[in-house]
PDB file of N, CA and C in Angstrom:
ATOM      1  N   MET A   1     129.984 164.485 138.980  1.00  0.00           N
ATOM      2  CA  MET A   1     129.180 163.473 139.664  1.00  0.00           C
ATOM      3  C   MET A   1     127.730 163.948 139.701  1.00  0.00           C
ATOM      4  N   SER A   2     126.819 163.078 139.273  1.00  0.00           N
ATOM      5  CA  SER A   2     125.406 163.418 139.275  1.00  0.00           C
ATOM      6  C   SER A   2     124.732 162.789 140.489  1.00  0.00           C
ATOM      7  N   ASP A   3     124.043 163.620 141.250  1.00  0.00           N
ATOM      8  CA  ASP A   3     123.315 163.083 142.392  1.00  0.00           C
ATOM      9  C   ASP A   3     121.828 162.980 142.108  1.00  0.00           C
ATOM     10  N   THR A   4     121.448 163.004 140.812  1.00  0.00           N
ATOM     11  CA  THR A   4     120.052 162.861 140.431  1.00  0.00           C
ATOM     12  C   THR A   4     119.550 161.478 140.831  1.00  0.00           C
ATOM     13  N   VAL A   5     118.443 161.438 141.560  1.00  0.00           N
ATOM     14  CA  VAL A   5     117.831 160.169 141.939  1.00  0.00           C
ATOM     15  C   VAL A   5     116.994 159.670 140.772  1.00  0.00           C
ATOM     16  N   LEU A   6     117.095 158.376 140.484  1.00  0.00           N
ATOM     17  CA  LEU A   6     116.330 157.737 139.417  1.00  0.00           C
ATOM     18  C   LEU A   6     115.406 156.683 139.996  1.00  0.00           C
ATOM     19  N   LEU A   7     114.226 156.566 139.417  1.00  0.00           N
ATOM     20  CA  LEU A   7     113.322 155.458 139.693  1.00  0.00           C
ATOM     21  C   LEU A   7     113.326 154.606 138.434  1.00  0.00           C
ATOM     22  N   CYS A   8     113.780 153.366 138.567  1.00  0.00           N
ATOM     23  CA  CYS A   8     113.912 152.470 137.420  1.00  0.00           C
ATOM     24  C   CYS A   8     112.856 151.373 137.493  1.00  0.00           C
ATOM     25  N   TYR A   9     112.330 151.032 136.347  1.00  0.00           N
ATOM     26  CA  TYR A   9     111.324 149.980 136.222  1.00  0.00           C
ATOM     27  C   TYR A   9     111.936 148.797 135.491  1.00  0.00           C
ATOM     28  N   CYS A  10     111.652 147.601 135.996  1.00  0.00           N
ATOM     29  CA  CYS A  10     112.116 146.376 135.352  1.00  0.00           C
ATOM     30  C   CYS A  10     111.112 145.272 135.668  1.00  0.00           C
ATOM     31  N   THR A  11     110.738 144.501 134.649  1.00  0.00           N
ATOM     32  CA  THR A  11     109.857 143.357 134.885  1.00  0.00           C
ATOM     33  C   THR A  11     110.671 142.071 134.857  1.00  0.00           C
ATOM     34  N   CYS A  12     110.202 141.093 135.626  1.00  0.00           N
ATOM     35  CA  CYS A  12     110.844 139.783 135.726  1.00  0.00           C
ATOM     36  C   CYS A  12     109.784 138.700 135.551  1.00  0.00           C
ATOM     37  N   PRO A  13     110.184 137.524 135.064  1.00  0.00           N
ATOM     38  CA  PRO A  13     109.198 136.483 134.795  1.00  0.00           C
ATOM     39  C   PRO A  13     108.635 135.804 136.042  1.00  0.00           C
ATOM     40  N   ASP A  14     109.351 135.894 137.172  1.00  0.00           N
ATOM     41  CA  ASP A  14     108.908 135.174 138.363  1.00  0.00           C
ATOM     42  C   ASP A  14     109.558 135.756 139.613  1.00  0.00           C
ATOM     43  N   ALA A  15     109.078 135.298 140.768  1.00  0.00           N
ATOM     44  CA  ALA A  15     109.563 135.807 142.052  1.00  0.00           C
ATOM     45  C   ALA A  15     111.034 135.484 142.273  1.00  0.00           C
ATOM     46  N   ALA A  16     111.472 134.319 141.861  1.00  0.00           N
ATOM     47  CA  ALA A  16     112.864 133.922 142.097  1.00  0.00           C
ATOM     48  C   ALA A  16     113.845 134.832 141.361  1.00  0.00           C
ATOM     49  N   SER A  17     113.577 135.106 140.085  1.00  0.00           N
ATOM     50  CA  SER A  17     114.493 135.972 139.334  1.00  0.00           C
ATOM     51  C   SER A  17     114.411 137.412 139.844  1.00  0.00           C
ATOM     52  N   ALA A  18     113.228 137.858 140.251  1.00  0.00           N
ATOM     53  CA  ALA A  18     113.075 139.201 140.803  1.00  0.00           C
ATOM     54  C   ALA A  18     113.860 139.341 142.107  1.00  0.00           C
ATOM     55  N   GLN A  19     113.777 138.342 142.967  1.00  0.00           N
ATOM     56  CA  GLN A  19     114.510 138.379 144.239  1.00  0.00           C
ATOM     57  C   GLN A  19     116.016 138.348 143.999  1.00  0.00           C
ATOM     58  N   LYS A  20     116.464 137.522 143.066  1.00  0.00           N
ATOM     59  CA  LYS A  20     117.896 137.439 142.740  1.00  0.00           C
ATOM     60  C   LYS A  20     118.416 138.797 142.273  1.00  0.00           C
ATOM     61  N   LEU A  21     117.675 139.438 141.390  1.00  0.00           N
ATOM     62  CA  LEU A  21     118.087 140.755 140.896  1.00  0.00           C
ATOM     63  C   LEU A  21     118.074 141.792 142.018  1.00  0.00           C
ATOM     64  N   ALA A  22     117.016 141.814 142.813  1.00  0.00           N
ATOM     65  CA  ALA A  22     116.913 142.789 143.898  1.00  0.00           C
ATOM     66  C   ALA A  22     118.081 142.642 144.870  1.00  0.00           C
ATOM     67  N   GLU A  23     118.381 141.425 145.275  1.00  0.00           N
ATOM     68  CA  GLU A  23     119.474 141.196 146.220  1.00  0.00           C
ATOM     69  C   GLU A  23     120.823 141.578 145.624  1.00  0.00           C
ATOM     70  N   ALA A  24     121.038 141.274 144.354  1.00  0.00           N
ATOM     71  CA  ALA A  24     122.311 141.620 143.712  1.00  0.00           C
ATOM     72  C   ALA A  24     122.477 143.126 143.616  1.00  0.00           C
ATOM     73  N   LEU A  25     121.438 143.832 143.173  1.00  0.00           N
ATOM     74  CA  LEU A  25     121.561 145.275 142.973  1.00  0.00           C
ATOM     75  C   LEU A  25     121.764 146.021 144.285  1.00  0.00           C
ATOM     76  N   VAL A  26     121.036 145.627 145.323  1.00  0.00           N
ATOM     77  CA  VAL A  26     121.203 146.267 146.628  1.00  0.00           C
ATOM     78  C   VAL A  26     122.512 145.800 147.275  1.00  0.00           C
ATOM     79  N   GLY A  27     122.785 144.509 147.204  1.00  0.00           N
ATOM     80  CA  GLY A  27     123.991 143.958 147.822  1.00  0.00           C
ATOM     81  C   GLY A  27     125.276 144.513 147.233  1.00  0.00           C
ATOM     82  N   GLU A  28     125.248 144.843 145.948  1.00  0.00           N
ATOM     83  CA  GLU A  28     126.438 145.381 145.275  1.00  0.00           C
ATOM     84  C   GLU A  28     126.453 146.913 145.254  1.00  0.00           C
ATOM     85  N   HIS A  29     125.580 147.535 146.040  1.00  0.00           N
ATOM     86  CA  HIS A  29     125.506 148.995 146.188  1.00  0.00           C
ATOM     87  C   HIS A  29     125.184 149.716 144.880  1.00  0.00           C
ATOM     88  N   LEU A  30     124.446 149.049 144.001  1.00  0.00           N
ATOM     89  CA  LEU A  30     124.019 149.667 142.749  1.00  0.00           C
ATOM     90  C   LEU A  30     122.652 150.318 142.896  1.00  0.00           C
ATOM     91  N   ALA A  31     121.907 149.907 143.909  1.00  0.00           N
ATOM     92  CA  ALA A  31     120.596 150.468 144.219  1.00  0.00           C
ATOM     93  C   ALA A  31     120.472 150.601 145.728  1.00  0.00           C
ATOM     94  N   ALA A  32     119.760 151.630 146.162  1.00  0.00           N
ATOM     95  CA  ALA A  32     119.510 151.797 147.592  1.00  0.00           C
ATOM     96  C   ALA A  32     118.373 150.889 148.046  1.00  0.00           C
ATOM     97  N   CYS A  33     117.398 150.674 147.162  1.00  0.00           N
ATOM     98  CA  CYS A  33     116.201 149.921 147.515  1.00  0.00           C
ATOM     99  C   CYS A  33     115.570 149.371 146.241  1.00  0.00           C
ATOM    100  N   VAL A  34     115.000 148.183 146.346  1.00  0.00           N
ATOM    101  CA  VAL A  34     114.224 147.606 145.247  1.00  0.00           C
ATOM    102  C   VAL A  34     112.911 147.092 145.829  1.00  0.00           C
ATOM    103  N   ASN A  35     111.799 147.606 145.306  1.00  0.00           N
ATOM    104  CA  ASN A  35     110.481 147.095 145.684  1.00  0.00           C
ATOM    105  C   ASN A  35     110.048 146.075 144.645  1.00  0.00           C
ATOM    106  N   ARG A  36     109.460 144.974 145.121  1.00  0.00           N
ATOM    107  CA  ARG A  36     108.932 143.936 144.229  1.00  0.00           C
ATOM    108  C   ARG A  36     107.416 143.952 144.300  1.00  0.00           C
ATOM    109  N   ILE A  37     106.800 144.085 143.130  1.00  0.00           N
ATOM    110  CA  ILE A  37     105.337 144.067 143.045  1.00  0.00           C
ATOM    111  C   ILE A  37     104.943 142.818 142.264  1.00  0.00           C
ATOM    112  N   PRO A  38     104.323 141.840 142.926  1.00  0.00           N
ATOM    113  CA  PRO A  38     103.985 140.589 142.251  1.00  0.00           C
ATOM    114  C   PRO A  38     102.722 140.703 141.403  1.00  0.00           C
ATOM    115  N   ALA A  39     102.547 139.734 140.535  1.00  0.00           N
ATOM    116  CA  ALA A  39     101.321 139.534 139.765  1.00  0.00           C
ATOM    117  C   ALA A  39     100.918 140.736 138.919  1.00  0.00           C
ATOM    118  N   VAL A  40     101.878 141.297 138.220  1.00  0.00           N
ATOM    119  CA  VAL A  40     101.591 142.350 137.252  1.00  0.00           C
ATOM    120  C   VAL A  40     101.265 141.663 135.931  1.00  0.00           C
ATOM    121  N   ALA A  41     100.135 142.015 135.326  1.00  0.00           N
ATOM    122  CA  ALA A  41      99.761 141.452 134.030  1.00  0.00           C
ATOM    123  C   ALA A  41     100.334 142.347 132.934  1.00  0.00           C
ATOM    124  N   SER A  42     101.191 141.768 132.092  1.00  0.00           N
ATOM    125  CA  SER A  42     101.830 142.524 131.011  1.00  0.00           C
ATOM    126  C   SER A  42     101.365 141.982 129.667  1.00  0.00           C
ATOM    127  N   THR A  43     100.919 142.873 128.811  1.00  0.00           N
ATOM    128  CA  THR A  43     100.541 142.525 127.443  1.00  0.00           C
ATOM    129  C   THR A  43     101.463 143.293 126.513  1.00  0.00           C
ATOM    130  N   TYR A  44     102.103 142.576 125.603  1.00  0.00           N
ATOM    131  CA  TYR A  44     103.099 143.192 124.735  1.00  0.00           C
ATOM    132  C   TYR A  44     103.228 142.399 123.437  1.00  0.00           C
ATOM    133  N   ARG A  45     103.847 143.016 122.456  1.00  0.00           N
ATOM    134  CA  ARG A  45     104.118 142.336 121.195  1.00  0.00           C
ATOM    135  C   ARG A  45     105.551 141.819 121.244  1.00  0.00           C
ATOM    136  N   TRP A  46     105.723 140.519 120.970  1.00  0.00           N
ATOM    137  CA  TRP A  46     107.053 139.911 120.975  1.00  0.00           C
ATOM    138  C   TRP A  46     107.160 138.960 119.795  1.00  0.00           C
ATOM    139  N   LYS A  47     108.104 139.249 118.922  1.00  0.00           N
ATOM    140  CA  LYS A  47     108.372 138.425 117.741  1.00  0.00           C
ATOM    141  C   LYS A  47     107.112 138.191 116.910  1.00  0.00           C
ATOM    142  N   GLY A  48     106.344 139.281 116.715  1.00  0.00           N
ATOM    143  CA  GLY A  48     105.169 139.238 115.857  1.00  0.00           C
ATOM    144  C   GLY A  48     103.894 138.747 116.506  1.00  0.00           C
ATOM    145  N   GLU A  49     103.947 138.368 117.760  1.00  0.00           N
ATOM    146  CA  GLU A  49     102.768 137.856 118.468  1.00  0.00           C
ATOM    147  C   GLU A  49     102.404 138.780 119.625  1.00  0.00           C
ATOM    148  N   VAL A  50     101.105 138.855 119.919  1.00  0.00           N
ATOM    149  CA  VAL A  50     100.656 139.553 121.119  1.00  0.00           C
ATOM    150  C   VAL A  50     100.633 138.530 122.254  1.00  0.00           C
ATOM    151  N   VAL A  51     101.333 138.871 123.338  1.00  0.00           N
ATOM    152  CA  VAL A  51     101.520 137.951 124.461  1.00  0.00           C
ATOM    153  C   VAL A  51     101.046 138.632 125.737  1.00  0.00           C
ATOM    154  N   THR A  52     100.418 137.860 126.618  1.00  0.00           N
ATOM    155  CA  THR A  52     100.090 138.343 127.956  1.00  0.00           C
ATOM    156  C   THR A  52     100.709 137.379 128.959  1.00  0.00           C
ATOM    157  N   ASP A  53     101.487 137.942 129.884  1.00  0.00           N
ATOM    158  CA  ASP A  53     102.167 137.149 130.907  1.00  0.00           C
ATOM    159  C   ASP A  53     101.981 137.793 132.270  1.00  0.00           C
ATOM    160  N   SER A  54     102.103 136.961 133.303  1.00  0.00           N
ATOM    161  CA  SER A  54     102.185 137.462 134.664  1.00  0.00           C
ATOM    162  C   SER A  54     103.662 137.677 134.976  1.00  0.00           C
ATOM    163  N   GLU A  55     103.991 138.848 135.507  1.00  0.00           N
ATOM    164  CA  GLU A  55     105.375 139.170 135.820  1.00  0.00           C
ATOM    165  C   GLU A  55     105.449 139.831 137.189  1.00  0.00           C
ATOM    166  N   GLU A  56     106.673 139.997 137.687  1.00  0.00           N
ATOM    167  CA  GLU A  56     106.920 140.821 138.871  1.00  0.00           C
ATOM    168  C   GLU A  56     107.550 142.107 138.395  1.00  0.00           C
ATOM    169  N   LEU A  57     107.097 143.210 138.961  1.00  0.00           N
ATOM    170  CA  LEU A  57     107.645 144.519 138.625  1.00  0.00           C
ATOM    171  C   LEU A  57     108.617 144.946 139.712  1.00  0.00           C
ATOM    172  N   LEU A  58     109.802 145.343 139.306  1.00  0.00           N
ATOM    173  CA  LEU A  58     110.778 145.893 140.234  1.00  0.00           C
ATOM    174  C   LEU A  58     110.773 147.411 140.109  1.00  0.00           C
ATOM    175  N   LEU A  59     110.722 148.094 141.252  1.00  0.00           N
ATOM    176  CA  LEU A  59     110.908 149.537 141.319  1.00  0.00           C
ATOM    177  C   LEU A  59     112.253 149.748 142.010  1.00  0.00           C
ATOM    178  N   ILE A  60     113.208 150.215 141.242  1.00  0.00           N
ATOM    179  CA  ILE A  60     114.600 150.296 141.688  1.00  0.00           C
ATOM    180  C   ILE A  60     114.959 151.760 141.918  1.00  0.00           C
ATOM    181  N   LYS A  61     115.442 152.088 143.124  1.00  0.00           N
ATOM    182  CA  LYS A  61     115.870 153.445 143.435  1.00  0.00           C
ATOM    183  C   LYS A  61     117.390 153.504 143.406  1.00  0.00           C
ATOM    184  N   THR A  62     117.919 154.406 142.562  1.00  0.00           N
ATOM    185  CA  THR A  62     119.364 154.551 142.406  1.00  0.00           C
ATOM    186  C   THR A  62     119.670 155.991 142.020  1.00  0.00           C
ATOM    187  N   THR A  63     120.900 156.229 141.587  1.00  0.00           N
ATOM    188  CA  THR A  63     121.297 157.559 141.119  1.00  0.00           C
ATOM    189  C   THR A  63     121.789 157.461 139.682  1.00  0.00           C
ATOM    190  N   ALA A  64     121.822 158.603 139.029  1.00  0.00           N
ATOM    191  CA  ALA A  64     122.326 158.642 137.652  1.00  0.00           C
ATOM    192  C   ALA A  64     123.770 158.171 137.585  1.00  0.00           C
ATOM    193  N   GLU A  65     124.540 158.471 138.605  1.00  0.00           N
ATOM    194  CA  GLU A  65     125.943 158.052 138.649  1.00  0.00           C
ATOM    195  C   GLU A  65     126.075 156.524 138.680  1.00  0.00           C
ATOM    196  N   ARG A  66     125.211 155.849 139.433  1.00  0.00           N
ATOM    197  CA  ARG A  66     125.288 154.381 139.549  1.00  0.00           C
ATOM    198  C   ARG A  66     124.562 153.652 138.421  1.00  0.00           C
ATOM    199  N   PHE A  67     123.754 154.382 137.640  1.00  0.00           N
ATOM    200  CA  PHE A  67     122.926 153.729 136.632  1.00  0.00           C
ATOM    201  C   PHE A  67     123.708 152.909 135.606  1.00  0.00           C
ATOM    202  N   PRO A  68     124.809 153.383 135.026  1.00  0.00           N
ATOM    203  CA  PRO A  68     125.505 152.560 134.031  1.00  0.00           C
ATOM    204  C   PRO A  68     125.937 151.185 134.575  1.00  0.00           C
ATOM    205  N   ALA A  69     126.456 151.151 135.786  1.00  0.00           N
ATOM    206  CA  ALA A  69     126.862 149.871 136.378  1.00  0.00           C
ATOM    207  C   ALA A  69     125.641 149.012 136.703  1.00  0.00           C
ATOM    208  N   LEU A  70     124.554 149.647 137.173  1.00  0.00           N
ATOM    209  CA  LEU A  70     123.317 148.921 137.450  1.00  0.00           C
ATOM    210  C   LEU A  70     122.794 148.282 136.177  1.00  0.00           C
ATOM    211  N   LYS A  71     122.778 149.047 135.096  1.00  0.00           N
ATOM    212  CA  LYS A  71     122.278 148.524 133.815  1.00  0.00           C
ATOM    213  C   LYS A  71     123.109 147.332 133.353  1.00  0.00           C
ATOM    214  N   GLU A  72     124.403 147.452 133.431  1.00  0.00           N
ATOM    215  CA  GLU A  72     125.280 146.352 133.004  1.00  0.00           C
ATOM    216  C   GLU A  72     125.018 145.086 133.821  1.00  0.00           C
ATOM    217  N   ARG A  73     124.891 145.245 135.136  1.00  0.00           N
ATOM    218  CA  ARG A  73     124.668 144.087 136.011  1.00  0.00           C
ATOM    219  C   ARG A  73     123.285 143.483 135.795  1.00  0.00           C
ATOM    220  N   LEU A  74     122.272 144.331 135.660  1.00  0.00           N
ATOM    221  CA  LEU A  74     120.909 143.841 135.452  1.00  0.00           C
ATOM    222  C   LEU A  74     120.819 143.040 134.154  1.00  0.00           C
ATOM    223  N   VAL A  75     121.372 143.560 133.089  1.00  0.00           N
ATOM    224  CA  VAL A  75     121.331 142.853 131.798  1.00  0.00           C
ATOM    225  C   VAL A  75     122.076 141.522 131.898  1.00  0.00           C
ATOM    226  N   ALA A  76     123.182 141.488 132.631  1.00  0.00           N
ATOM    227  CA  ALA A  76     123.959 140.245 132.783  1.00  0.00           C
ATOM    228  C   ALA A  76     123.194 139.181 133.561  1.00  0.00           C
ATOM    229  N   LEU A  77     122.423 139.590 134.566  1.00  0.00           N
ATOM    230  CA  LEU A  77     121.722 138.634 135.430  1.00  0.00           C
ATOM    231  C   LEU A  77     120.312 138.285 134.971  1.00  0.00           C
ATOM    232  N   HIS A  78     119.709 139.132 134.170  1.00  0.00           N
ATOM    233  CA  HIS A  78     118.287 138.976 133.841  1.00  0.00           C
ATOM    234  C   HIS A  78     118.060 137.784 132.911  1.00  0.00           C
ATOM    235  N   PRO A  79     116.991 137.003 133.163  1.00  0.00           N
ATOM    236  CA  PRO A  79     116.739 135.837 132.314  1.00  0.00           C
ATOM    237  C   PRO A  79     116.140 136.169 130.945  1.00  0.00           C
ATOM    238  N   TYR A  80     115.597 137.370 130.760  1.00  0.00           N
ATOM    239  CA  TYR A  80     114.996 137.709 129.472  1.00  0.00           C
ATOM    240  C   TYR A  80     116.061 138.014 128.426  1.00  0.00           C
ATOM    241  N   GLU A  81     115.748 137.695 127.191  1.00  0.00           N
ATOM    242  CA  GLU A  81     116.592 138.049 126.056  1.00  0.00           C
ATOM    243  C   GLU A  81     116.702 139.571 125.924  1.00  0.00           C
ATOM    244  N   LEU A  82     115.601 140.268 126.204  1.00  0.00           N
ATOM    245  CA  LEU A  82     115.543 141.727 126.107  1.00  0.00           C
ATOM    246  C   LEU A  82     114.886 142.273 127.375  1.00  0.00           C
ATOM    247  N   PRO A  83     115.654 142.448 128.449  1.00  0.00           N
ATOM    248  CA  PRO A  83     115.045 142.925 129.693  1.00  0.00           C
ATOM    249  C   PRO A  83     114.593 144.377 129.605  1.00  0.00           C
ATOM    250  N   GLU A  84     113.471 144.641 130.245  1.00  0.00           N
ATOM    251  CA  GLU A  84     112.984 146.016 130.368  1.00  0.00           C
ATOM    252  C   GLU A  84     113.808 146.716 131.434  1.00  0.00           C
ATOM    253  N   LEU A  85     114.299 147.892 131.113  1.00  0.00           N
ATOM    254  CA  LEU A  85     114.921 148.762 132.107  1.00  0.00           C
ATOM    255  C   LEU A  85     114.678 150.195 131.658  1.00  0.00           C
ATOM    256  N   ILE A  86     113.844 150.884 132.416  1.00  0.00           N
ATOM    257  CA  ILE A  86     113.476 152.268 132.119  1.00  0.00           C
ATOM    258  C   ILE A  86     113.795 153.094 133.360  1.00  0.00           C
ATOM    259  N   ALA A  87     114.537 154.178 133.174  1.00  0.00           N
ATOM    260  CA  ALA A  87     114.903 155.052 134.294  1.00  0.00           C
ATOM    261  C   ALA A  87     114.234 156.411 134.124  1.00  0.00           C
ATOM    262  N   VAL A  88     113.602 156.860 135.200  1.00  0.00           N
ATOM    263  CA  VAL A  88     112.907 158.141 135.203  1.00  0.00           C
ATOM    264  C   VAL A  88     113.515 158.996 136.311  1.00  0.00           C
ATOM    265  N   PRO A  89     113.938 160.226 135.988  1.00  0.00           N
ATOM    266  CA  PRO A  89     114.470 161.088 137.044  1.00  0.00           C
ATOM    267  C   PRO A  89     113.379 161.495 138.026  1.00  0.00           C
ATOM    268  N   VAL A  90     113.731 161.539 139.284  1.00  0.00           N
ATOM    269  CA  VAL A  90     112.799 161.954 140.337  1.00  0.00           C
ATOM    270  C   VAL A  90     112.897 163.472 140.465  1.00  0.00           C
ATOM    271  N   ALA A  91     111.809 164.173 140.165  1.00  0.00           N
ATOM    272  CA  ALA A  91     111.801 165.637 140.195  1.00  0.00           C
ATOM    273  C   ALA A  91     111.661 166.179 141.614  1.00  0.00           C
ATOM    274  N   GLU A  92     110.868 165.514 142.424  1.00  0.00           N
ATOM    275  CA  GLU A  92     110.608 165.964 143.792  1.00  0.00           C
ATOM    276  C   GLU A  92     110.448 164.749 144.691  1.00  0.00           C
ATOM    277  N   GLY A  93     110.598 164.965 145.979  1.00  0.00           N
ATOM    278  CA  GLY A  93     110.397 163.888 146.937  1.00  0.00           C
ATOM    279  C   GLY A  93     110.753 164.365 148.333  1.00  0.00           C
ATOM    280  N   HIS A  94     110.629 163.473 149.280  1.00  0.00           N
ATOM    281  CA  HIS A  94     110.982 163.751 150.676  1.00  0.00           C
ATOM    282  C   HIS A  94     112.506 163.822 150.750  1.00  0.00           C
ATOM    283  N   ARG A  95     113.033 165.008 151.014  1.00  0.00           N
ATOM    284  CA  ARG A  95     114.476 165.259 150.951  1.00  0.00           C
ATOM    285  C   ARG A  95     115.305 164.236 151.739  1.00  0.00           C
ATOM    286  N   PRO A  96     114.952 163.900 152.986  1.00  0.00           N
ATOM    287  CA  PRO A  96     115.754 162.911 153.709  1.00  0.00           C
ATOM    288  C   PRO A  96     115.782 161.544 153.004  1.00  0.00           C
ATOM    289  N   TYR A  97     114.657 161.150 152.397  1.00  0.00           N
ATOM    290  CA  TYR A  97     114.644 159.879 151.670  1.00  0.00           C
ATOM    291  C   TYR A  97     115.540 159.954 150.441  1.00  0.00           C
ATOM    292  N   LEU A  98     115.445 161.033 149.682  1.00  0.00           N
ATOM    293  CA  LEU A  98     116.277 161.173 148.484  1.00  0.00           C
ATOM    294  C   LEU A  98     117.745 161.216 148.858  1.00  0.00           C
ATOM    295  N   ASP A  99     118.088 161.859 149.971  1.00  0.00           N
ATOM    296  CA  ASP A  99     119.481 161.862 150.433  1.00  0.00           C
ATOM    297  C   ASP A  99     119.934 160.460 150.781  1.00  0.00           C
ATOM    298  N   TRP A 100     119.047 159.669 151.378  1.00  0.00           N
ATOM    299  CA  TRP A 100     119.383 158.284 151.709  1.00  0.00           C
ATOM    300  C   TRP A 100     119.627 157.465 150.437  1.00  0.00           C
ATOM    301  N   VAL A 101     118.804 157.661 149.399  1.00  0.00           N
ATOM    302  CA  VAL A 101     119.025 156.945 148.131  1.00  0.00           C
ATOM    303  C   VAL A 101     120.410 157.285 147.592  1.00  0.00           C
ATOM    304  N   ARG A 102     120.808 158.544 147.712  1.00  0.00           N
ATOM    305  CA  ARG A 102     122.120 158.960 147.227  1.00  0.00           C
ATOM    306  C   ARG A 102     123.254 158.313 148.036  1.00  0.00           C
ATOM    307  N   ASP A 103     123.021 158.100 149.328  1.00  0.00           N
ATOM    308  CA  ASP A 103     124.055 157.515 150.184  1.00  0.00           C
ATOM    309  C   ASP A 103     123.403 156.627 151.248  1.00  0.00           C
ATOM    310  N   PRO A 104     123.052 155.381 150.861  1.00  0.00           N
ATOM    311  CA  PRO A 104     122.329 154.510 151.789  1.00  0.00           C
ATOM    312  C   PRO A 104     123.198 153.952 152.925  1.00  0.00           C
ATOM    313  N   GLY A 105     124.503 154.185 152.855  1.00  0.00           N
ATOM    314  CA  GLY A 105     125.369 153.762 153.947  1.00  0.00           C
ATOM    315  C   GLY A 105     125.843 152.380 153.925  1.00  0.00           C
TER     316      GLY A 105
END
């Protein structure tokens, strides 16, 4: 069992889809917390074109152990054809907070 805390990044096209994902991931105990950051400007190449869109950024706190199930659920619920999901291990942090992410109760 891995108790490594992960910070995951995911963008969503709008507030409604971001809220739906956040509630599902926390409600199903796949994430301890999801922060929503509105009005992120994203510029990227998609199908040969350069595109700029306004999106919501999700900052998802979970563990390496829960990540596979989180990824499966996020991909199933996400409206994008190719959803962004990037997980970064947390090297340091406030120990009581990291313990809470591991077991939010």
